[in-house]
Each structure stands twice: as structure tokens, then as C-alpha cells.
Amino acid sequence: MLLSSLRQALAALMVAVLVSACGGAGSTAPPPAGGITVTPGDGTATITWTTVPGVKYWLFYAPSTSISTLDWINVPGSRALLNVTSPYVLTGLANGFTYSFTVNGRNGDGPGGPGSPSVSVVPRPAGGTWKAGGSLGSNIIRNLTYGTNSADSLGYYYAVGDAGSAYRSLDGLSWTGTPAPANTTLNAALWTFARFLVVGANGSAAYSTDMATWSVAPTGTTANLNAIASNGALAVAVGNGGTILSSLDGILWTAVASPTTSNLYGVIYSSNGVWIAVGAGGTLLTSTDGTTWTPVASGTTADLRSVIVQTSLTYTFVAAGNGGTVVRSADNGVTWTAQSSGTSANLLALNATAGQVMAVGTGGAVTTSPDGVTWTPRTSGTTADLYSVLSGFSQYVAVGQGGISINSQ
């Protein structure tokens, strides 16, 4: 038996012993009136029920089509969570698999009563339905990142845009304005080297550890800088006129020889050691060190606005751009194949998780794919242009025109 399986079996056994041992001062309680409601999310399930004061509730669940408090211990992978409250958000579930749930109650330390009728759901990736989030002012918000604030050691969403607009959020829903890193258009933000970096118009760049006090980072260029990526040891920024810069700390930037004069709009690093940059007229460059770049045929002449890598069992690169253009590579950017995105909107930004690739763009366009091949357009609830999308904590957050933000869970 594998160590992890042994641990799981022992955990289940200990809970079973607790269940059988209960019977002290107290009594059983009836199951929640009306049963339980289970709402699936992205790797999550939210369980709600009508509570009765003084009753302690236990939640039982398993990767199965049904579960009972009488035989849950015999269901492989089953779990019991003690003294939970409604609503209870269960995380760490696998998307695409069926899970079943039941809840019972007890008064004091009495034995558990009968369980509620079993309810089964299938967690799924977010992105299918969207709702409005908090406002980020009235300017265009062009990019999102996530990082740790040195002032309080908490993680924040951080968004930047036109006229030095800058906002932060703990949950991606409510936003607070922060000091402008620079009084110009900011096109990209990234947390790396334990600091926040921003780049933008006329070669502007700045860095901060707390999103409040910013220092200028000289770049040596007046070209607009449009995107930034990092592997943790090196940061690369790209921009107009084929501009490519590199930095070991986000403070000192050095020009890198570029094989193109086309505007570059997106850049990404993959953990298998491949850098890819994309830009105007279907421009596509690859590099293994962030310094030496090689042009590659993308198979399109459309402007490519963003590039992302989906890491699962393999590495899949996806680039997207004007007119709904999507191209995909499964061989580290050597060859690219056009895909149908299901939209004609200009796709301005990409995001990828192990189970899903998402593109957002003009007119509120959102389209998703499990693999970069088959795409499904989604209804975002807005017609505003969406410039950036970020996944994490079982949700997506997208921002864009007029300071709009939307989220999907």
C-alpha cells in the first residue's frame, strides 16, 4: 500500500472510531430540514443547509455517486469533517469527477443522527458563468498580476492601466486604489523577485515591494513596453519596434538583440525552459535563454496579442490575437496550427490552468478550451473590452475598459 493511501485509510479509521465512540452527554439530532444543497465550483463544492442552534454537524463526502452515514467508511476515498458550519466550502476536489455528500447532526457529545439524503455534483472549471465585480475607476485597466505585499505579508491581486491607474484586492472582488507607479499608461504588471514590477508607455518601468512606494527602473528605451514574464531568475519585457529587455532583478534592464522590428505584445516562459514572444503581423519568436531569439512561422498574419503555456502531462503553447485568431503548438513552439476560437473578436489576453485555456477580448468576448483545440464561447455579461484575465483560488478575474471587473467561480 502506498504511503498516501495508508495515511488516508488511517485518517478514515480514526474518524470512524470517533463516530462509534460518540455517545456521551447529549443525543442524536435529526438531519437538516429540507436536506442539503451542494453547488459545484472550480475544484470546489459549497454545501449549505438549514442549521438548528446548539446542533453540531458533520459532513461526509466521497468520490462516488452516493454516500450514507451508515456505510461511508466502506466507500474508497471517503472523508468525514467534524463540526462544520453552513455554508461550508470544500476545496481540493478534482474537476470532472462525481462527488457525493451527506450531513448529520448531534446534540452535545451525543451520537450522530441519520444523514441527509445523498447529493452528488461534478466540480467543473470556472469560466462558464460570470458576474460583475467591483469597479477599478474609469480608465482602461490593462493587466492583472498576483503577489505578496511586504507591508502585511498578504497576497493581493494587483491591476494597472491608463493614466497610472493602479488597484489592489485581497479577493478579486473589492478593489482599492493605490499610488500610481508612474503617471503614464501601464501595460503590464508582474510579481517576481519578491517585488511588483510594472512596465508601460515610453519605456517606463518601476518596482515596489508594497504597491505603495515605487522606484523608477531605467530601461534605456523610449519604446512602449507591452508585456513582461519571468522564470524567477530572469525577467523579460517586450514592446514596440521589436524591443526586448532582460533583467536579473527587475531594477536594472539590459537591451537584448531582437530579430524583428515588429511590435511585440506578449511574452511567456514555460517551466521546460522555453520563452515565446508574439506580436504584430503574426510575429512569433522563441528562445531557450531569454537572450537569443529566433523567428518562427506562426501560420498567421494577424496581430498576436498574447501567448500562454498550458502545463499538464505535456506543454501546450497557445497564442491568440485579432479576429479571433488562435494558433497552438505542442512541440515547444517549433510548429503552430490554427484553431477555431468560436469568435471573431480581437482576443487580447490568455490564461491557462492544467484543465483549461481561456481567452478574453473586445466586446466582452470570453472563450474557453480544455486543450487549446476545441473552443467554446461564453457569455461574460459585459460588452466592455477585456484586457486581462487571471485564474486562482477557484475563480477567474477579468478586467478592462472603463475600469470594469468581472469574475467567474
Protein backbone atom coordinates (compact mmCIF):
# COMPACT_ATOMS: atom_id res chain seq x y z
CA MET A 1 0.00 0.00 0.00
CA LEU A 2 1.31 3.44 -0.90
CA LEU A 3 2.15 5.75 2.00
CA SER A 4 -0.51 8.28 0.93
CA SER A 5 -3.15 5.54 0.76
CA LEU A 6 -2.11 4.29 4.20
CA ARG A 7 -2.45 7.78 5.65
CA GLN A 8 -5.90 8.17 4.11
CA ALA A 9 -7.01 4.81 5.49
CA LEU A 10 -5.73 5.67 8.96
CA ALA A 11 -7.47 9.07 8.86
CA ALA A 12 -10.75 7.45 7.89
CA LEU A 13 -10.31 4.82 10.62
CA MET A 14 -9.70 7.47 13.28
CA VAL A 15 -12.86 9.33 12.28
CA ALA A 16 -14.78 6.06 12.31
CA VAL A 17 -13.56 5.41 15.84
CA LEU A 18 -14.70 8.89 16.84
CA VAL A 19 -18.10 8.26 15.29
CA SER A 20 -18.56 4.98 17.12
CA ALA A 21 -17.22 6.40 20.38
CA CYS A 22 -19.67 9.28 20.44
CA GLY A 23 -22.43 8.68 22.91
CA GLY A 24 -21.58 10.84 25.87
CA ALA A 25 -23.71 13.63 27.22
CA GLY A 26 -26.16 14.50 24.50
CA SER A 27 -28.39 12.88 21.92
CA THR A 28 -28.86 12.40 18.23
CA ALA A 29 -30.34 15.19 16.12
CA PRO A 30 -32.50 14.90 13.00
CA PRO A 31 -30.87 15.61 9.63
CA PRO A 32 -31.02 19.18 8.32
CA ALA A 33 -34.58 20.13 7.44
CA GLY A 34 -35.03 20.10 3.69
CA GLY A 35 -31.75 18.28 3.16
CA ILE A 36 -28.58 19.88 1.84
CA THR A 37 -27.80 21.94 -1.25
CA VAL A 38 -24.46 21.38 -2.98
CA THR A 39 -23.20 23.88 -5.55
CA PRO A 40 -20.20 22.78 -7.65
CA GLY A 41 -17.35 25.19 -8.35
CA ASP A 42 -13.88 25.08 -9.82
CA GLY A 43 -12.34 22.25 -7.79
CA THR A 44 -14.78 23.10 -5.01
CA ALA A 45 -18.24 22.37 -3.69
CA THR A 46 -20.30 24.65 -1.44
CA ILE A 47 -22.60 22.77 0.93
CA THR A 48 -25.47 24.64 2.60
CA TRP A 49 -28.25 23.55 4.92
CA THR A 50 -30.67 24.92 7.50
CA THR A 51 -28.97 24.86 10.87
CA VAL A 52 -30.51 24.46 14.31
CA PRO A 53 -28.87 26.31 17.24
CA GLY A 54 -26.90 24.00 19.50
CA VAL A 55 -26.65 21.17 16.97
CA LYS A 56 -23.20 20.06 15.84
CA TYR A 57 -22.99 18.99 12.20
CA TRP A 58 -20.64 16.56 10.49
CA LEU A 59 -20.11 16.45 6.74
CA PHE A 60 -19.43 13.15 4.97
CA TYR A 61 -18.32 13.03 1.33
CA ALA A 62 -16.71 10.67 -1.17
CA PRO A 63 -15.75 10.45 -4.85
CA SER A 64 -18.82 8.35 -5.63
CA THR A 65 -22.40 8.64 -6.85
CA SER A 66 -23.89 8.24 -3.36
CA ILE A 67 -22.87 8.13 0.30
CA SER A 68 -24.55 7.21 3.58
CA THR A 69 -23.56 7.84 7.17
CA LEU A 70 -24.12 4.10 7.72
CA ASP A 71 -21.57 2.79 5.25
CA TRP A 72 -19.38 5.79 4.33
CA ILE A 73 -16.28 4.14 5.80
CA ASN A 74 -16.56 1.41 3.13
CA VAL A 75 -16.51 3.88 0.23
CA PRO A 76 -12.96 4.37 -1.16
CA GLY A 77 -11.71 7.91 -0.68
CA SER A 78 -14.47 8.88 1.75
CA ARG A 79 -13.94 11.61 4.32
CA ALA A 80 -15.73 12.97 7.37
CA LEU A 81 -15.37 16.58 8.54
CA LEU A 82 -16.31 17.31 12.13
CA ASN A 83 -18.23 20.31 13.49
CA VAL A 84 -18.72 22.16 10.23
CA THR A 85 -20.95 25.17 9.69
CA SER A 86 -23.18 26.19 6.81
CA PRO A 87 -22.27 27.30 4.21
CA TYR A 88 -19.17 25.11 4.01
CA VAL A 89 -16.78 25.48 1.06
CA LEU A 90 -14.89 22.28 0.36
CA THR A 91 -11.75 22.72 -1.74
CA GLY A 92 -9.22 20.37 -3.32
CA LEU A 93 -11.71 18.42 -5.43
CA ALA A 94 -10.90 17.14 -8.92
CA ASN A 95 -12.83 18.73 -11.76
CA GLY A 96 -14.84 16.34 -13.90
CA PHE A 97 -15.37 13.70 -11.19
CA THR A 98 -18.57 12.95 -9.28
CA TYR A 99 -18.65 13.55 -5.52
CA SER A 100 -21.48 12.75 -3.11
CA PHE A 101 -22.32 14.48 0.19
CA THR A 102 -24.42 13.98 3.30
CA VAL A 103 -24.68 15.81 6.63
CA ASN A 104 -25.90 14.61 10.04
CA GLY A 105 -26.21 16.23 13.46
CA ARG A 106 -25.83 15.58 17.14
CA ASN A 107 -26.73 17.42 20.35
CA GLY A 108 -23.75 17.97 22.61
CA ASP A 109 -21.47 14.94 22.51
CA GLY A 110 -24.22 12.53 21.60
CA PRO A 111 -24.06 10.12 18.65
CA GLY A 112 -24.75 11.34 15.16
CA GLY A 113 -28.28 11.09 13.87
CA PRO A 114 -29.39 9.95 10.43
CA GLY A 115 -27.76 11.61 7.46
CA SER A 116 -29.45 13.88 4.96
CA PRO A 117 -30.29 12.40 1.54
CA SER A 118 -27.11 11.99 -0.50
CA VAL A 119 -26.47 14.73 -3.07
CA SER A 120 -24.00 14.32 -5.94
CA VAL A 121 -22.30 17.01 -8.06
CA VAL A 122 -19.43 17.27 -10.52
CA PRO A 123 -16.94 20.14 -9.93
CA ARG A 124 -16.05 21.97 -13.15
CA PRO A 125 -13.63 24.67 -14.25
CA ALA A 126 -14.85 28.22 -13.70
CA GLY A 127 -15.46 30.45 -16.69
CA GLY A 128 -18.91 29.27 -17.75
CA THR A 129 -20.86 31.98 -15.91
CA TRP A 130 -19.74 35.47 -14.91
CA LYS A 131 -20.85 38.23 -12.59
CA ALA A 132 -19.85 41.84 -12.12
CA GLY A 133 -17.10 42.67 -9.64
CA GLY A 134 -16.02 45.92 -8.04
CA SER A 135 -15.09 48.96 -10.09
CA LEU A 136 -11.50 49.98 -10.78
CA GLY A 137 -12.18 53.61 -11.68
CA SER A 138 -12.99 54.77 -15.19
CA ASN A 139 -9.73 54.22 -17.09
CA ILE A 140 -8.80 51.14 -19.09
CA ILE A 141 -7.26 48.50 -16.82
CA ARG A 142 -4.77 46.61 -18.94
CA ASN A 143 -3.17 43.94 -16.81
CA LEU A 144 -3.50 41.83 -13.66
CA THR A 145 -0.99 40.00 -11.51
CA TYR A 146 -0.95 38.44 -8.05
CA GLY A 147 1.74 38.75 -5.40
CA THR A 148 2.69 39.22 -1.77
CA ASN A 149 2.68 42.65 -0.18
CA SER A 150 5.76 43.12 2.02
CA ALA A 151 3.87 45.51 4.31
CA ASP A 152 1.46 42.89 5.65
CA SER A 153 2.66 39.61 4.07
CA LEU A 154 -0.76 39.11 2.47
CA GLY A 155 -1.42 38.10 -1.12
CA TYR A 156 -3.10 40.64 -3.40
CA TYR A 157 -4.46 40.92 -6.90
CA TYR A 158 -2.79 43.95 -8.45
CA ALA A 159 -4.11 45.74 -11.54
CA VAL A 160 -2.70 48.58 -13.64
CA GLY A 161 -3.84 50.64 -16.61
CA ASP A 162 -4.10 54.00 -18.28
CA ALA A 163 -3.01 57.28 -16.63
CA GLY A 164 -1.10 55.37 -13.98
CA SER A 165 -4.23 53.64 -12.69
CA ALA A 166 -3.39 51.08 -10.00
CA TYR A 167 -5.65 49.00 -7.75
CA ARG A 168 -5.30 46.11 -5.36
CA SER A 169 -7.68 43.48 -3.97
CA LEU A 170 -7.50 40.65 -1.46
CA ASP A 171 -10.30 38.67 -3.10
CA GLY A 172 -10.50 39.89 -6.70
CA LEU A 173 -13.96 41.31 -5.96
CA SER A 174 -13.49 44.52 -3.96
CA TRP A 175 -10.79 46.92 -5.14
CA THR A 176 -8.86 49.79 -3.54
CA GLY A 177 -6.85 52.43 -5.38
CA THR A 178 -3.11 52.59 -4.72
CA PRO A 179 -0.41 55.17 -5.55
CA ALA A 180 0.40 55.38 -9.26
CA PRO A 181 3.70 53.66 -10.11
CA ALA A 182 4.06 56.15 -12.99
CA ASN A 183 1.87 58.85 -14.50
CA THR A 184 1.53 57.16 -17.85
CA THR A 185 -0.14 54.17 -19.45
CA LEU A 186 0.87 50.98 -17.68
CA ASN A 187 0.56 47.93 -19.90
CA ALA A 188 1.77 45.10 -17.70
CA ALA A 189 2.43 44.09 -14.10
CA LEU A 190 4.19 41.08 -12.63
CA TRP A 191 5.21 39.86 -9.19
CA THR A 192 8.68 38.30 -9.28
CA PHE A 193 11.96 38.67 -7.38
CA ALA A 194 9.73 39.29 -4.29
CA ARG A 195 8.57 42.61 -5.76
CA PHE A 196 5.94 44.04 -8.06
CA LEU A 197 7.17 45.20 -11.47
CA VAL A 198 5.28 47.39 -13.95
CA VAL A 199 6.11 48.46 -17.49
CA GLY A 200 4.37 50.78 -19.91
CA ALA A 201 4.42 53.65 -22.36
CA ASN A 202 7.67 55.29 -23.48
CA GLY A 203 9.87 52.65 -21.88
CA SER A 204 8.56 53.34 -18.38
CA ALA A 205 9.27 50.75 -15.67
CA ALA A 206 9.04 50.77 -11.88
CA TYR A 207 9.27 48.38 -8.95
CA SER A 208 7.86 48.13 -5.41
CA THR A 209 7.54 45.58 -2.63
CA ASP A 210 4.38 47.05 -1.13
CA MET A 211 2.41 48.62 -4.03
CA ALA A 212 2.71 51.97 -2.25
CA THR A 213 6.29 53.19 -2.60
CA TRP A 214 7.63 52.93 -6.14
CA SER A 215 11.09 53.39 -7.62
CA VAL A 216 11.88 54.07 -11.26
CA ALA A 217 13.72 51.33 -13.12
CA PRO A 218 15.67 52.84 -16.06
CA THR A 219 15.17 50.79 -19.23
CA GLY A 220 17.25 52.69 -21.75
CA THR A 221 14.41 52.76 -24.28
CA THR A 222 11.54 55.06 -25.19
CA ALA A 223 9.57 52.30 -26.90
CA ASN A 224 6.27 51.29 -25.38
CA LEU A 225 6.73 48.17 -23.26
CA ASN A 226 3.72 45.87 -23.55
CA ALA A 227 4.34 42.67 -21.61
CA ILE A 228 6.61 41.06 -19.05
CA ALA A 229 7.39 37.48 -17.97
CA SER A 230 9.81 35.82 -15.59
CA ASN A 231 11.21 32.42 -14.68
CA GLY A 232 12.20 33.56 -11.20
CA ALA A 233 15.82 34.18 -12.16
CA LEU A 234 15.34 36.35 -15.25
CA ALA A 235 12.64 38.79 -16.31
CA VAL A 236 11.96 39.64 -19.96
CA ALA A 237 9.95 42.64 -21.16
CA VAL A 238 8.88 43.15 -24.77
CA GLY A 239 7.49 46.15 -26.63
CA ASN A 240 7.12 48.18 -29.77
CA GLY A 241 9.64 48.05 -32.59
CA GLY A 242 10.73 44.55 -31.59
CA THR A 243 12.10 45.80 -28.26
CA ILE A 244 13.30 43.05 -25.90
CA LEU A 245 14.79 43.77 -22.47
CA SER A 246 16.07 41.44 -19.78
CA SER A 247 16.73 41.89 -16.06
CA LEU A 248 18.10 39.78 -13.23
CA ASP A 249 16.25 41.75 -10.55
CA GLY A 250 13.58 43.92 -12.18
CA ILE A 251 15.65 47.02 -11.37
CA LEU A 252 18.45 47.04 -13.93
CA TRP A 253 17.34 46.35 -17.50
CA THR A 254 19.51 45.46 -20.50
CA ALA A 255 18.60 45.58 -24.19
CA VAL A 256 18.57 42.22 -25.95
CA ALA A 257 19.22 41.79 -29.68
CA SER A 258 15.90 41.30 -31.43
CA PRO A 259 15.40 39.60 -34.80
CA THR A 260 12.32 41.72 -35.57
CA THR A 261 11.17 45.32 -35.76
CA SER A 262 7.50 44.36 -35.36
CA ASN A 263 5.68 45.42 -32.22
CA LEU A 264 5.75 42.66 -29.61
CA TYR A 265 2.62 42.37 -27.46
CA GLY A 266 3.06 39.23 -25.38
CA VAL A 267 5.72 37.05 -23.78
CA ILE A 268 5.68 33.88 -21.68
CA TYR A 269 8.11 31.47 -20.02
CA SER A 270 7.48 27.75 -19.68
CA SER A 271 8.99 25.63 -16.91
CA ASN A 272 10.51 23.34 -19.54
CA GLY A 273 12.86 26.20 -20.45
CA VAL A 274 11.15 27.81 -23.44
CA TRP A 275 10.45 31.54 -23.87
CA ILE A 276 7.97 32.69 -26.52
CA ALA A 277 7.13 36.24 -27.63
CA VAL A 278 4.35 37.24 -30.05
CA GLY A 279 3.38 40.39 -31.87
CA ALA A 280 2.15 42.28 -34.90
CA GLY A 281 1.58 40.55 -38.23
CA GLY A 282 1.78 37.08 -36.69
CA THR A 283 5.31 37.64 -35.38
CA LEU A 284 6.44 34.79 -33.18
CA LEU A 285 9.85 34.37 -31.54
CA THR A 286 11.29 31.59 -29.38
CA SER A 287 14.27 31.45 -27.03
CA THR A 288 15.80 28.98 -24.59
CA ASP A 289 17.65 31.58 -22.53
CA GLY A 290 15.70 34.84 -22.89
CA THR A 291 18.66 36.37 -24.70
CA THR A 292 18.95 34.72 -28.09
CA TRP A 293 15.69 34.82 -30.02
CA THR A 294 14.68 33.01 -33.20
CA PRO A 295 11.75 33.84 -35.52
CA VAL A 296 9.27 31.01 -36.07
CA ALA A 297 6.44 30.75 -38.60
CA SER A 298 3.15 31.19 -36.75
CA GLY A 299 0.95 30.39 -39.73
CA THR A 300 -0.97 33.68 -39.45
CA THR A 301 -0.56 37.32 -40.40
CA ALA A 302 -2.99 38.52 -37.73
CA ASP A 303 -1.61 40.52 -34.82
CA LEU A 304 -0.95 38.12 -31.94
CA ARG A 305 -1.75 39.84 -28.65
CA SER A 306 -1.00 37.19 -26.05
CA VAL A 307 0.68 33.83 -25.53
CA ILE A 308 0.33 31.26 -22.74
CA VAL A 309 1.51 27.76 -21.86
CA GLN A 310 -0.80 25.06 -20.53
CA THR A 311 1.11 22.61 -18.38
CA SER A 312 -0.44 19.23 -17.73
CA LEU A 313 1.19 15.96 -18.77
CA THR A 314 2.78 17.91 -21.64
CA TYR A 315 3.44 21.55 -22.53
CA THR A 316 0.95 23.17 -24.90
CA PHE A 317 1.55 26.72 -26.12
CA VAL A 318 -1.37 28.86 -27.30
CA ALA A 319 -1.20 32.31 -28.91
CA ALA A 320 -4.24 34.46 -29.69
CA GLY A 321 -4.95 37.77 -31.36
CA ASN A 322 -7.02 39.83 -33.75
CA GLY A 323 -10.10 38.45 -35.46
CA GLY A 324 -10.39 35.56 -33.02
CA THR A 325 -7.10 34.10 -34.21
CA VAL A 326 -5.78 31.17 -32.18
CA VAL A 327 -2.67 29.14 -33.00
CA ARG A 328 -1.36 26.20 -30.98
CA SER A 329 1.93 24.37 -30.62
CA ALA A 330 2.57 21.02 -28.97
CA ASP A 331 6.30 20.88 -29.76
CA ASN A 332 7.74 23.77 -27.76
CA GLY A 333 6.88 26.41 -30.32
CA VAL A 334 8.53 24.80 -33.35
CA THR A 335 5.34 24.33 -35.38
CA TRP A 336 1.99 26.05 -34.97
CA THR A 337 -1.51 25.07 -36.09
CA ALA A 338 -4.51 27.39 -36.46
CA GLN A 339 -7.58 26.59 -34.35
CA SER A 340 -11.16 27.84 -34.47
CA SER A 341 -11.83 30.00 -31.40
CA GLY A 342 -15.56 30.35 -32.00
CA THR A 343 -15.35 34.15 -32.04
CA SER A 344 -14.28 36.92 -34.42
CA ALA A 345 -13.47 39.33 -31.59
CA ASN A 346 -9.92 40.52 -31.08
CA LEU A 347 -8.51 38.29 -28.35
CA LEU A 348 -6.37 40.43 -26.07
CA ALA A 349 -5.33 38.11 -23.23
CA LEU A 350 -4.93 34.45 -22.35
CA ASN A 351 -4.81 32.44 -19.15
CA ALA A 352 -4.15 28.73 -18.65
CA THR A 353 -4.65 26.15 -15.92
CA ALA A 354 -3.96 22.42 -16.15
CA GLY A 355 -7.55 21.83 -17.21
CA GLN A 356 -8.47 24.91 -19.24
CA VAL A 357 -7.25 27.68 -21.52
CA MET A 358 -9.21 30.95 -21.55
CA ALA A 359 -9.10 33.89 -23.95
CA VAL A 360 -10.77 37.27 -23.42
CA GLY A 361 -11.07 40.25 -25.72
CA THR A 362 -13.05 43.03 -27.32
CA GLY A 363 -16.78 43.37 -26.75
CA GLY A 364 -16.62 41.25 -23.61
CA ALA A 365 -15.54 38.17 -25.53
CA VAL A 366 -14.70 35.08 -23.46
CA THR A 367 -13.92 31.68 -24.95
CA THR A 368 -12.55 28.57 -23.25
CA SER A 369 -10.89 25.33 -24.27
CA PRO A 370 -9.73 22.24 -22.36
CA ASP A 371 -6.70 21.85 -24.62
CA GLY A 372 -6.34 24.83 -26.97
CA VAL A 373 -8.04 22.89 -29.79
CA THR A 374 -11.79 22.86 -29.11
CA TRP A 375 -13.16 26.23 -28.02
CA THR A 376 -16.49 27.25 -26.50
CA PRO A 377 -17.63 30.90 -26.45
CA ARG A 378 -19.00 32.05 -23.08
CA THR A 379 -21.36 34.83 -22.04
CA SER A 380 -19.46 37.37 -19.92
CA GLY A 381 -22.37 39.70 -19.17
CA THR A 382 -20.50 42.74 -20.49
CA THR A 383 -19.72 44.39 -23.82
CA ALA A 384 -16.65 46.16 -22.43
CA ASP A 385 -13.28 45.21 -23.90
CA LEU A 386 -11.45 42.78 -21.59
CA TYR A 387 -7.68 43.27 -21.50
CA SER A 388 -6.53 40.78 -18.88
CA VAL A 389 -7.70 37.62 -17.11
CA LEU A 390 -6.17 35.78 -14.16
CA SER A 391 -7.05 32.46 -12.54
CA GLY A 392 -6.53 31.38 -8.96
CA PHE A 393 -8.37 30.47 -5.75
CA SER A 394 -11.07 28.66 -7.73
CA GLN A 395 -12.06 31.72 -9.72
CA TYR A 396 -11.24 33.87 -12.73
CA VAL A 397 -10.96 37.65 -12.56
CA ALA A 398 -11.03 39.72 -15.75
CA VAL A 399 -10.56 43.49 -16.10
CA GLY A 400 -10.75 46.01 -18.88
CA GLN A 401 -12.41 49.03 -20.43
CA GLY A 402 -13.87 51.66 -18.13
CA GLY A 403 -12.40 50.05 -15.05
CA ILE A 404 -14.71 47.05 -15.33
CA SER A 405 -14.02 43.82 -13.46
CA ILE A 406 -15.92 40.54 -13.74
CA ASN A 407 -15.38 37.21 -12.05
CA SER A 408 -16.33 33.58 -12.50
CA GLN A 409 -16.31 30.88 -9.83
